[in-house]
Amino acid sequence: MPKYRVKKDDQVKVISGKDKGKTGRVLRVDRDKGRVLVEGINIVKKAMRKKRQEDRGGIAEIEASIHLSNVMLVTRGGEQTRVSVRMDGDTKVRVAKKNGETV
């Protein structure tokens, strides 16, 4: 089973694909498929049908998920880094590889 070191509400940067270089907040992590939904990244157009009388149908722009390997965690200083896990007493703590600060 793969290790997922990116969690909900983390700040991430896209490192490949059409949105390369953009940063955003993780909205959801799909552990089964290995994908993340990032706020404002990978915007796609989707045809939406009217479900009720007062709804508006048409084409909506929504965020689609992106593969976990295409994002990297961003530290508080704004630099992208890999993440390791360290034991701090009895608790696991995520640590940035680049500068050693806790995430």
PDB file of N, CA and C in Angstrom:
ATOM      1  N   MET A   1       0.842  -1.184   0.000  1.00  0.00           N
ATOM      2  CA  MET A   1       0.000   0.000   0.000  1.00  0.00           C
ATOM      3  C   MET A   1       0.886   1.246   0.000  1.00  0.00           C
ATOM      4  N   PRO A   2       0.612   2.195  -0.896  1.00  0.00           N
ATOM      5  CA  PRO A   2       1.451   3.386  -0.977  1.00  0.00           C
ATOM      6  C   PRO A   2       1.263   4.299   0.228  1.00  0.00           C
ATOM      7  N   LYS A   3       2.277   5.125   0.476  1.00  0.00           N
ATOM      8  CA  LYS A   3       2.229   6.075   1.584  1.00  0.00           C
ATOM      9  C   LYS A   3       1.744   7.419   1.056  1.00  0.00           C
ATOM     10  N   TYR A   4       0.739   7.966   1.710  1.00  0.00           N
ATOM     11  CA  TYR A   4       0.206   9.269   1.329  1.00  0.00           C
ATOM     12  C   TYR A   4       0.618  10.268   2.382  1.00  0.00           C
ATOM     13  N   ARG A   5       1.478  11.174   2.017  1.00  0.00           N
ATOM     14  CA  ARG A   5       1.970  12.148   2.983  1.00  0.00           C
ATOM     15  C   ARG A   5       1.367  13.523   2.755  1.00  0.00           C
ATOM     16  N   VAL A   6       0.384  13.598   1.862  1.00  0.00           N
ATOM     17  CA  VAL A   6      -0.358  14.833   1.633  1.00  0.00           C
ATOM     18  C   VAL A   6      -1.734  14.648   2.245  1.00  0.00           C
ATOM     19  N   LYS A   7      -2.175  15.627   3.030  1.00  0.00           N
ATOM     20  CA  LYS A   7      -3.462  15.536   3.708  1.00  0.00           C
ATOM     21  C   LYS A   7      -4.354  16.698   3.307  1.00  0.00           C
ATOM     22  N   LYS A   8      -5.614  16.616   3.710  1.00  0.00           N
ATOM     23  CA  LYS A   8      -6.576  17.679   3.438  1.00  0.00           C
ATOM     24  C   LYS A   8      -6.106  18.979   4.093  1.00  0.00           C
ATOM     25  N   ASP A   9      -6.328  20.089   3.421  1.00  0.00           N
ATOM     26  CA  ASP A   9      -5.966  21.446   3.840  1.00  0.00           C
ATOM     27  C   ASP A   9      -4.472  21.734   3.767  1.00  0.00           C
ATOM     28  N   ASP A  10      -3.666  20.844   3.173  1.00  0.00           N
ATOM     29  CA  ASP A  10      -2.251  21.134   2.938  1.00  0.00           C
ATOM     30  C   ASP A  10      -2.118  22.055   1.734  1.00  0.00           C
ATOM     31  N   GLN A  11      -1.080  22.875   1.737  1.00  0.00           N
ATOM     32  CA  GLN A  11      -0.767  23.725   0.594  1.00  0.00           C
ATOM     33  C   GLN A  11       0.183  22.944  -0.308  1.00  0.00           C
ATOM     34  N   VAL A  12      -0.193  22.764  -1.591  1.00  0.00           N
ATOM     35  CA  VAL A  12       0.631  21.987  -2.514  1.00  0.00           C
ATOM     36  C   VAL A  12       0.908  22.793  -3.775  1.00  0.00           C
ATOM     37  N   LYS A  13       1.953  22.370  -4.483  1.00  0.00           N
ATOM     38  CA  LYS A  13       2.333  22.992  -5.747  1.00  0.00           C
ATOM     39  C   LYS A  13       2.321  21.917  -6.816  1.00  0.00           C
ATOM     40  N   VAL A  14       1.765  22.240  -7.993  1.00  0.00           N
ATOM     41  CA  VAL A  14       1.709  21.292  -9.106  1.00  0.00           C
ATOM     42  C   VAL A  14       3.063  21.299  -9.790  1.00  0.00           C
ATOM     43  N   ILE A  15       3.662  20.099  -9.974  1.00  0.00           N
ATOM     44  CA  ILE A  15       5.003  20.016 -10.546  1.00  0.00           C
ATOM     45  C   ILE A  15       5.003  19.517 -11.981  1.00  0.00           C
ATOM     46  N   SER A  16       3.847  19.055 -12.491  1.00  0.00           N
ATOM     47  CA  SER A  16       3.775  18.667 -13.901  1.00  0.00           C
ATOM     48  C   SER A  16       2.342  18.747 -14.378  1.00  0.00           C
ATOM     49  N   GLY A  17       2.175  18.868 -15.687  1.00  0.00           N
ATOM     50  CA  GLY A  17       0.847  18.957 -16.280  1.00  0.00           C
ATOM     51  C   GLY A  17       0.532  20.361 -16.741  1.00  0.00           C
ATOM     52  N   LYS A  18      -0.734  20.563 -17.116  1.00  0.00           N
ATOM     53  CA  LYS A  18      -1.120  21.848 -17.701  1.00  0.00           C
ATOM     54  C   LYS A  18      -1.117  22.997 -16.693  1.00  0.00           C
ATOM     55  N   ASP A  19      -1.216  22.687 -15.407  1.00  0.00           N
ATOM     56  CA  ASP A  19      -1.215  23.710 -14.360  1.00  0.00           C
ATOM     57  C   ASP A  19       0.106  23.765 -13.605  1.00  0.00           C
ATOM     58  N   LYS A  20       1.194  23.385 -14.247  1.00  0.00           N
ATOM     59  CA  LYS A  20       2.507  23.343 -13.614  1.00  0.00           C
ATOM     60  C   LYS A  20       2.884  24.711 -13.046  1.00  0.00           C
ATOM     61  N   GLY A  21       3.334  24.717 -11.782  1.00  0.00           N
ATOM     62  CA  GLY A  21       3.757  25.947 -11.132  1.00  0.00           C
ATOM     63  C   GLY A  21       2.688  26.587 -10.261  1.00  0.00           C
ATOM     64  N   LYS A  22       1.430  26.183 -10.407  1.00  0.00           N
ATOM     65  CA  LYS A  22       0.358  26.769  -9.606  1.00  0.00           C
ATOM     66  C   LYS A  22       0.309  26.104  -8.237  1.00  0.00           C
ATOM     67  N   THR A  23      -0.152  26.859  -7.246  1.00  0.00           N
ATOM     68  CA  THR A  23      -0.302  26.318  -5.898  1.00  0.00           C
ATOM     69  C   THR A  23      -1.767  26.394  -5.487  1.00  0.00           C
ATOM     70  N   GLY A  24      -2.143  25.521  -4.577  1.00  0.00           N
ATOM     71  CA  GLY A  24      -3.513  25.509  -4.094  1.00  0.00           C
ATOM     72  C   GLY A  24      -3.638  24.654  -2.850  1.00  0.00           C
ATOM     73  N   ARG A  25      -4.823  24.685  -2.254  1.00  0.00           N
ATOM     74  CA  ARG A  25      -5.108  23.943  -1.033  1.00  0.00           C
ATOM     75  C   ARG A  25      -5.797  22.636  -1.389  1.00  0.00           C
ATOM     76  N   VAL A  26      -5.405  21.553  -0.726  1.00  0.00           N
ATOM     77  CA  VAL A  26      -5.993  20.241  -0.980  1.00  0.00           C
ATOM     78  C   VAL A  26      -7.393  20.202  -0.367  1.00  0.00           C
ATOM     79  N   LEU A  27      -8.377  19.882  -1.203  1.00  0.00           N
ATOM     80  CA  LEU A  27      -9.752  19.785  -0.743  1.00  0.00           C
ATOM     81  C   LEU A  27     -10.120  18.360  -0.357  1.00  0.00           C
ATOM     82  N   ARG A  28      -9.574  17.379  -1.073  1.00  0.00           N
ATOM     83  CA  ARG A  28      -9.920  15.985  -0.812  1.00  0.00           C
ATOM     84  C   ARG A  28      -8.789  15.091  -1.308  1.00  0.00           C
ATOM     85  N   VAL A  29      -8.540  13.986  -0.592  1.00  0.00           N
ATOM     86  CA  VAL A  29      -7.553  12.990  -0.985  1.00  0.00           C
ATOM     87  C   VAL A  29      -8.293  11.677  -1.215  1.00  0.00           C
ATOM     88  N   ASP A  30      -8.152  11.111  -2.426  1.00  0.00           N
ATOM     89  CA  ASP A  30      -8.753   9.813  -2.740  1.00  0.00           C
ATOM     90  C   ASP A  30      -7.663   8.761  -2.625  1.00  0.00           C
ATOM     91  N   ARG A  31      -7.647   8.059  -1.503  1.00  0.00           N
ATOM     92  CA  ARG A  31      -6.587   7.102  -1.208  1.00  0.00           C
ATOM     93  C   ARG A  31      -6.666   5.872  -2.100  1.00  0.00           C
ATOM     94  N   ASP A  32      -7.868   5.491  -2.534  1.00  0.00           N
ATOM     95  CA  ASP A  32      -8.020   4.308  -3.377  1.00  0.00           C
ATOM     96  C   ASP A  32      -7.423   4.518  -4.766  1.00  0.00           C
ATOM     97  N   LYS A  33      -7.629   5.688  -5.334  1.00  0.00           N
ATOM     98  CA  LYS A  33      -7.156   5.976  -6.695  1.00  0.00           C
ATOM     99  C   LYS A  33      -5.826   6.714  -6.719  1.00  0.00           C
ATOM    100  N   GLY A  34      -5.367   7.222  -5.564  1.00  0.00           N
ATOM    101  CA  GLY A  34      -4.106   7.952  -5.519  1.00  0.00           C
ATOM    102  C   GLY A  34      -4.207   9.324  -6.155  1.00  0.00           C
ATOM    103  N   ARG A  35      -5.324  10.010  -5.947  1.00  0.00           N
ATOM    104  CA  ARG A  35      -5.544  11.309  -6.563  1.00  0.00           C
ATOM    105  C   ARG A  35      -5.939  12.329  -5.498  1.00  0.00           C
ATOM    106  N   VAL A  36      -5.699  13.602  -5.794  1.00  0.00           N
ATOM    107  CA  VAL A  36      -6.078  14.687  -4.897  1.00  0.00           C
ATOM    108  C   VAL A  36      -6.879  15.726  -5.663  1.00  0.00           C
ATOM    109  N   LEU A  37      -7.773  16.394  -4.962  1.00  0.00           N
ATOM    110  CA  LEU A  37      -8.552  17.487  -5.525  1.00  0.00           C
ATOM    111  C   LEU A  37      -7.989  18.768  -4.930  1.00  0.00           C
ATOM    112  N   VAL A  38      -7.459  19.635  -5.784  1.00  0.00           N
ATOM    113  CA  VAL A  38      -6.795  20.859  -5.336  1.00  0.00           C
ATOM    114  C   VAL A  38      -7.630  22.058  -5.773  1.00  0.00           C
ATOM    115  N   GLU A  39      -7.791  23.004  -4.872  1.00  0.00           N
ATOM    116  CA  GLU A  39      -8.606  24.181  -5.116  1.00  0.00           C
ATOM    117  C   GLU A  39      -8.021  25.033  -6.246  1.00  0.00           C
ATOM    118  N   GLY A  40      -8.808  25.257  -7.300  1.00  0.00           N
ATOM    119  CA  GLY A  40      -8.405  26.113  -8.402  1.00  0.00           C
ATOM    120  C   GLY A  40      -7.469  25.466  -9.407  1.00  0.00           C
ATOM    121  N   ILE A  41      -7.225  24.157  -9.313  1.00  0.00           N
ATOM    122  CA  ILE A  41      -6.303  23.457 -10.208  1.00  0.00           C
ATOM    123  C   ILE A  41      -7.086  22.452 -11.039  1.00  0.00           C
ATOM    124  N   ASN A  42      -6.681  22.265 -12.297  1.00  0.00           N
ATOM    125  CA  ASN A  42      -7.274  21.298 -13.223  1.00  0.00           C
ATOM    126  C   ASN A  42      -8.766  21.575 -13.417  1.00  0.00           C
ATOM    127  N   ILE A  43      -9.068  22.797 -13.820  1.00  0.00           N
ATOM    128  CA  ILE A  43     -10.452  23.209 -14.060  1.00  0.00           C
ATOM    129  C   ILE A  43     -10.917  22.606 -15.383  1.00  0.00           C
ATOM    130  N   VAL A  44     -12.052  21.905 -15.344  1.00  0.00           N
ATOM    131  CA  VAL A  44     -12.632  21.301 -16.544  1.00  0.00           C
ATOM    132  C   VAL A  44     -14.073  21.787 -16.681  1.00  0.00           C
ATOM    133  N   LYS A  45     -14.582  21.724 -17.911  1.00  0.00           N
ATOM    134  CA  LYS A  45     -15.964  22.105 -18.165  1.00  0.00           C
ATOM    135  C   LYS A  45     -16.824  20.858 -18.165  1.00  0.00           C
ATOM    136  N   LYS A  46     -17.963  20.938 -17.482  1.00  0.00           N
ATOM    137  CA  LYS A  46     -18.853  19.794 -17.383  1.00  0.00           C
ATOM    138  C   LYS A  46     -20.273  20.244 -17.695  1.00  0.00           C
ATOM    139  N   ALA A  47     -20.955  19.474 -18.529  1.00  0.00           N
ATOM    140  CA  ALA A  47     -22.342  19.775 -18.858  1.00  0.00           C
ATOM    141  C   ALA A  47     -23.224  19.337 -17.699  1.00  0.00           C
ATOM    142  N   MET A  48     -23.973  20.276 -17.136  1.00  0.00           N
ATOM    143  CA  MET A  48     -24.835  19.989 -15.990  1.00  0.00           C
ATOM    144  C   MET A  48     -26.296  20.051 -16.438  1.00  0.00           C
ATOM    145  N   ARG A  49     -27.069  19.053 -16.019  1.00  0.00           N
ATOM    146  CA  ARG A  49     -28.478  18.991 -16.342  1.00  0.00           C
ATOM    147  C   ARG A  49     -29.295  19.660 -15.233  1.00  0.00           C
ATOM    148  N   LYS A  50     -30.421  20.244 -15.604  1.00  0.00           N
ATOM    149  CA  LYS A  50     -31.319  20.806 -14.598  1.00  0.00           C
ATOM    150  C   LYS A  50     -31.908  19.675 -13.786  1.00  0.00           C
ATOM    151  N   LYS A  51     -31.797  19.746 -12.482  1.00  0.00           N
ATOM    152  CA  LYS A  51     -32.374  18.723 -11.615  1.00  0.00           C
ATOM    153  C   LYS A  51     -33.746  19.143 -11.073  1.00  0.00           C
ATOM    154  N   ARG A  52     -33.940  20.442 -10.890  1.00  0.00           N
ATOM    155  CA  ARG A  52     -35.221  20.974 -10.421  1.00  0.00           C
ATOM    156  C   ARG A  52     -35.634  22.132 -11.326  1.00  0.00           C
ATOM    157  N   GLN A  53     -36.823  22.615 -11.110  1.00  0.00           N
ATOM    158  CA  GLN A  53     -37.367  23.692 -11.948  1.00  0.00           C
ATOM    159  C   GLN A  53     -36.533  24.967 -11.816  1.00  0.00           C
ATOM    160  N   GLU A  54     -36.083  25.265 -10.582  1.00  0.00           N
ATOM    161  CA  GLU A  54     -35.375  26.534 -10.360  1.00  0.00           C
ATOM    162  C   GLU A  54     -33.875  26.445 -10.628  1.00  0.00           C
ATOM    163  N   ASP A  55     -33.342  25.240 -10.863  1.00  0.00           N
ATOM    164  CA  ASP A  55     -31.912  25.086 -11.168  1.00  0.00           C
ATOM    165  C   ASP A  55     -31.584  25.613 -12.556  1.00  0.00           C
ATOM    166  N   ARG A  56     -30.324  25.949 -12.711  1.00  0.00           N
ATOM    167  CA  ARG A  56     -29.829  26.360 -14.022  1.00  0.00           C
ATOM    168  C   ARG A  56     -28.990  25.233 -14.580  1.00  0.00           C
ATOM    169  N   GLY A  57     -29.282  24.824 -15.763  1.00  0.00           N
ATOM    170  CA  GLY A  57     -28.452  23.835 -16.440  1.00  0.00           C
ATOM    171  C   GLY A  57     -27.368  24.557 -17.207  1.00  0.00           C
ATOM    172  N   GLY A  58     -26.598  23.827 -17.991  1.00  0.00           N
ATOM    173  CA  GLY A  58     -25.580  24.448 -18.815  1.00  0.00           C
ATOM    174  C   GLY A  58     -24.208  23.883 -18.526  1.00  0.00           C
ATOM    175  N   ILE A  59     -23.202  24.634 -18.920  1.00  0.00           N
ATOM    176  CA  ILE A  59     -21.823  24.177 -18.772  1.00  0.00           C
ATOM    177  C   ILE A  59     -21.221  24.847 -17.542  1.00  0.00           C
ATOM    178  N   ALA A  60     -20.742  24.012 -16.615  1.00  0.00           N
ATOM    179  CA  ALA A  60     -20.143  24.520 -15.381  1.00  0.00           C
ATOM    180  C   ALA A  60     -18.656  24.185 -15.381  1.00  0.00           C
ATOM    181  N   GLU A  61     -17.875  25.028 -14.732  1.00  0.00           N
ATOM    182  CA  GLU A  61     -16.439  24.773 -14.588  1.00  0.00           C
ATOM    183  C   GLU A  61     -16.190  24.260 -13.181  1.00  0.00           C
ATOM    184  N   ILE A  62     -15.633  23.053 -13.085  1.00  0.00           N
ATOM    185  CA  ILE A  62     -15.359  22.438 -11.792  1.00  0.00           C
ATOM    186  C   ILE A  62     -13.911  21.970 -11.741  1.00  0.00           C
ATOM    187  N   GLU A  63     -13.432  21.699 -10.527  1.00  0.00           N
ATOM    188  CA  GLU A  63     -12.082  21.170 -10.366  1.00  0.00           C
ATOM    189  C   GLU A  63     -12.123  19.660 -10.519  1.00  0.00           C
ATOM    190  N   ALA A  64     -11.202  19.116 -11.287  1.00  0.00           N
ATOM    191  CA  ALA A  64     -11.060  17.673 -11.421  1.00  0.00           C
ATOM    192  C   ALA A  64      -9.845  17.246 -10.608  1.00  0.00           C
ATOM    193  N   SER A  65      -9.801  15.966 -10.267  1.00  0.00           N
ATOM    194  CA  SER A  65      -8.692  15.485  -9.445  1.00  0.00           C
ATOM    195  C   SER A  65      -7.416  15.385 -10.276  1.00  0.00           C
ATOM    196  N   ILE A  66      -6.293  15.383  -9.588  1.00  0.00           N
ATOM    197  CA  ILE A  66      -4.976  15.294 -10.210  1.00  0.00           C
ATOM    198  C   ILE A  66      -4.215  14.187  -9.483  1.00  0.00           C
ATOM    199  N   HIS A  67      -3.328  13.504 -10.187  1.00  0.00           N
ATOM    200  CA  HIS A  67      -2.614  12.392  -9.570  1.00  0.00           C
ATOM    201  C   HIS A  67      -1.669  12.903  -8.489  1.00  0.00           C
ATOM    202  N   LEU A  68      -1.530  12.107  -7.450  1.00  0.00           N
ATOM    203  CA  LEU A  68      -0.730  12.483  -6.282  1.00  0.00           C
ATOM    204  C   LEU A  68       0.735  12.735  -6.627  1.00  0.00           C
ATOM    205  N   SER A  69       1.240  12.037  -7.649  1.00  0.00           N
ATOM    206  CA  SER A  69       2.641  12.204  -8.019  1.00  0.00           C
ATOM    207  C   SER A  69       2.912  13.538  -8.706  1.00  0.00           C
ATOM    208  N   ASN A  70       1.864  14.246  -9.083  1.00  0.00           N
ATOM    209  CA  ASN A  70       2.034  15.523  -9.772  1.00  0.00           C
ATOM    210  C   ASN A  70       1.988  16.724  -8.839  1.00  0.00           C
ATOM    211  N   VAL A  71       1.915  16.497  -7.535  1.00  0.00           N
ATOM    212  CA  VAL A  71       1.906  17.602  -6.572  1.00  0.00           C
ATOM    213  C   VAL A  71       2.993  17.390  -5.528  1.00  0.00           C
ATOM    214  N   MET A  72       3.478  18.508  -4.982  1.00  0.00           N
ATOM    215  CA  MET A  72       4.461  18.487  -3.895  1.00  0.00           C
ATOM    216  C   MET A  72       4.013  19.450  -2.815  1.00  0.00           C
ATOM    217  N   LEU A  73       4.290  19.088  -1.599  1.00  0.00           N
ATOM    218  CA  LEU A  73       3.921  19.905  -0.458  1.00  0.00           C
ATOM    219  C   LEU A  73       4.731  21.204  -0.449  1.00  0.00           C
ATOM    220  N   VAL A  74       4.103  22.288  -0.022  1.00  0.00           N
ATOM    221  CA  VAL A  74       4.763  23.587   0.082  1.00  0.00           C
ATOM    222  C   VAL A  74       4.898  23.934   1.555  1.00  0.00           C
ATOM    223  N   THR A  75       6.092  24.342   1.972  1.00  0.00           N
ATOM    224  CA  THR A  75       6.320  24.717   3.363  1.00  0.00           C
ATOM    225  C   THR A  75       5.781  26.115   3.627  1.00  0.00           C
ATOM    226  N   ARG A  76       5.851  26.533   4.886  1.00  0.00           N
ATOM    227  CA  ARG A  76       5.381  27.880   5.241  1.00  0.00           C
ATOM    228  C   ARG A  76       6.215  28.949   4.559  1.00  0.00           C
ATOM    229  N   GLY A  77       7.468  28.639   4.266  1.00  0.00           N
ATOM    230  CA  GLY A  77       8.344  29.583   3.582  1.00  0.00           C
ATOM    231  C   GLY A  77       8.083  29.687   2.091  1.00  0.00           C
ATOM    232  N   GLY A  78       7.249  28.793   1.547  1.00  0.00           N
ATOM    233  CA  GLY A  78       6.881  28.870   0.135  1.00  0.00           C
ATOM    234  C   GLY A  78       7.699  27.987  -0.783  1.00  0.00           C
ATOM    235  N   GLU A  79       8.575  27.134  -0.239  1.00  0.00           N
ATOM    236  CA  GLU A  79       9.363  26.266  -1.099  1.00  0.00           C
ATOM    237  C   GLU A  79       8.785  24.857  -1.099  1.00  0.00           C
ATOM    238  N   GLN A  80       8.861  24.202  -2.262  1.00  0.00           N
ATOM    239  CA  GLN A  80       8.317  22.847  -2.358  1.00  0.00           C
ATOM    240  C   GLN A  80       9.317  21.852  -1.795  1.00  0.00           C
ATOM    241  N   THR A  81       8.792  20.792  -1.167  1.00  0.00           N
ATOM    242  CA  THR A  81       9.653  19.842  -0.487  1.00  0.00           C
ATOM    243  C   THR A  81       9.004  18.474  -0.442  1.00  0.00           C
ATOM    244  N   ARG A  82       9.829  17.464  -0.259  1.00  0.00           N
ATOM    245  CA  ARG A  82       9.332  16.128   0.028  1.00  0.00           C
ATOM    246  C   ARG A  82       9.067  16.039   1.525  1.00  0.00           C
ATOM    247  N   VAL A  83       8.357  14.989   1.928  1.00  0.00           N
ATOM    248  CA  VAL A  83       7.936  14.870   3.318  1.00  0.00           C
ATOM    249  C   VAL A  83       8.402  13.537   3.876  1.00  0.00           C
ATOM    250  N   SER A  84       8.906  13.565   5.103  1.00  0.00           N
ATOM    251  CA  SER A  84       9.224  12.332   5.813  1.00  0.00           C
ATOM    252  C   SER A  84       8.429  12.324   7.110  1.00  0.00           C
ATOM    253  N   VAL A  85       8.407  11.169   7.752  1.00  0.00           N
ATOM    254  CA  VAL A  85       7.678  11.027   9.009  1.00  0.00           C
ATOM    255  C   VAL A  85       8.675  10.693  10.101  1.00  0.00           C
ATOM    256  N   ARG A  86       8.580  11.404  11.223  1.00  0.00           N
ATOM    257  CA  ARG A  86       9.472  11.198  12.355  1.00  0.00           C
ATOM    258  C   ARG A  86       8.628  10.973  13.598  1.00  0.00           C
ATOM    259  N   MET A  87       9.120  10.147  14.492  1.00  0.00           N
ATOM    260  CA  MET A  87       8.417   9.908  15.749  1.00  0.00           C
ATOM    261  C   MET A  87       8.834  10.979  16.757  1.00  0.00           C
ATOM    262  N   ASP A  88       7.850  11.654  17.327  1.00  0.00           N
ATOM    263  CA  ASP A  88       8.087  12.660  18.356  1.00  0.00           C
ATOM    264  C   ASP A  88       7.398  12.162  19.621  1.00  0.00           C
ATOM    265  N   GLY A  89       8.135  11.378  20.397  1.00  0.00           N
ATOM    266  CA  GLY A  89       7.525  10.719  21.548  1.00  0.00           C
ATOM    267  C   GLY A  89       6.683   9.549  21.066  1.00  0.00           C
ATOM    268  N   ASP A  90       5.376   9.626  21.289  1.00  0.00           N
ATOM    269  CA  ASP A  90       4.466   8.576  20.835  1.00  0.00           C
ATOM    270  C   ASP A  90       3.692   8.966  19.590  1.00  0.00           C
ATOM    271  N   THR A  91       3.905  10.175  19.074  1.00  0.00           N
ATOM    272  CA  THR A  91       3.130  10.642  17.926  1.00  0.00           C
ATOM    273  C   THR A  91       4.007  10.748  16.686  1.00  0.00           C
ATOM    274  N   LYS A  92       3.387  10.512  15.533  1.00  0.00           N
ATOM    275  CA  LYS A  92       4.078  10.691  14.257  1.00  0.00           C
ATOM    276  C   LYS A  92       3.955  12.145  13.832  1.00  0.00           C
ATOM    277  N   VAL A  93       5.057  12.714  13.356  1.00  0.00           N
ATOM    278  CA  VAL A  93       5.086  14.104  12.917  1.00  0.00           C
ATOM    279  C   VAL A  93       5.633  14.144  11.498  1.00  0.00           C
ATOM    280  N   ARG A  94       4.955  14.885  10.618  1.00  0.00           N
ATOM    281  CA  ARG A  94       5.465  15.053   9.252  1.00  0.00           C
ATOM    282  C   ARG A  94       6.521  16.145   9.247  1.00  0.00           C
ATOM    283  N   VAL A  95       7.637  15.877   8.567  1.00  0.00           N
ATOM    284  CA  VAL A  95       8.776  16.790   8.566  1.00  0.00           C
ATOM    285  C   VAL A  95       9.170  17.074   7.118  1.00  0.00           C
ATOM    286  N   ALA A  96       9.454  18.338   6.812  1.00  0.00           N
ATOM    287  CA  ALA A  96       9.913  18.728   5.483  1.00  0.00           C
ATOM    288  C   ALA A  96      11.355  18.282   5.308  1.00  0.00           C
ATOM    289  N   LYS A  97      11.669  17.625   4.183  1.00  0.00           N
ATOM    290  CA  LYS A  97      13.013  17.138   3.919  1.00  0.00           C
ATOM    291  C   LYS A  97      13.993  18.289   3.651  1.00  0.00           C
ATOM    292  N   LYS A  98      13.495  19.361   3.043  1.00  0.00           N
ATOM    293  CA  LYS A  98      14.386  20.429   2.617  1.00  0.00           C
ATOM    294  C   LYS A  98      14.973  21.220   3.775  1.00  0.00           C
ATOM    295  N   ASN A  99      14.136  21.556   4.779  1.00  0.00           N
ATOM    296  CA  ASN A  99      14.651  22.386   5.865  1.00  0.00           C
ATOM    297  C   ASN A  99      14.400  21.812   7.260  1.00  0.00           C
ATOM    298  N   GLY A 100      13.729  20.664   7.357  1.00  0.00           N
ATOM    299  CA  GLY A 100      13.550  20.004   8.634  1.00  0.00           C
ATOM    300  C   GLY A 100      12.437  20.539   9.506  1.00  0.00           C
ATOM    301  N   GLU A 101      11.643  21.486   9.021  1.00  0.00           N
ATOM    302  CA  GLU A 101      10.567  22.021   9.845  1.00  0.00           C
ATOM    303  C   GLU A 101       9.357  21.077   9.821  1.00  0.00           C
ATOM    304  N   THR A 102       8.583  21.089  10.890  1.00  0.00           N
ATOM    305  CA  THR A 102       7.403  20.237  10.950  1.00  0.00           C
ATOM    306  C   THR A 102       6.298  20.857  10.114  1.00  0.00           C
ATOM    307  N   VAL A 103       5.547  19.985   9.485  1.00  0.00           N
ATOM    308  CA  VAL A 103       4.478  20.448   8.575  1.00  0.00           C
ATOM    309  C   VAL A 103       3.157  20.347   9.293  1.00  0.00           C
TER     310      VAL A 103
END
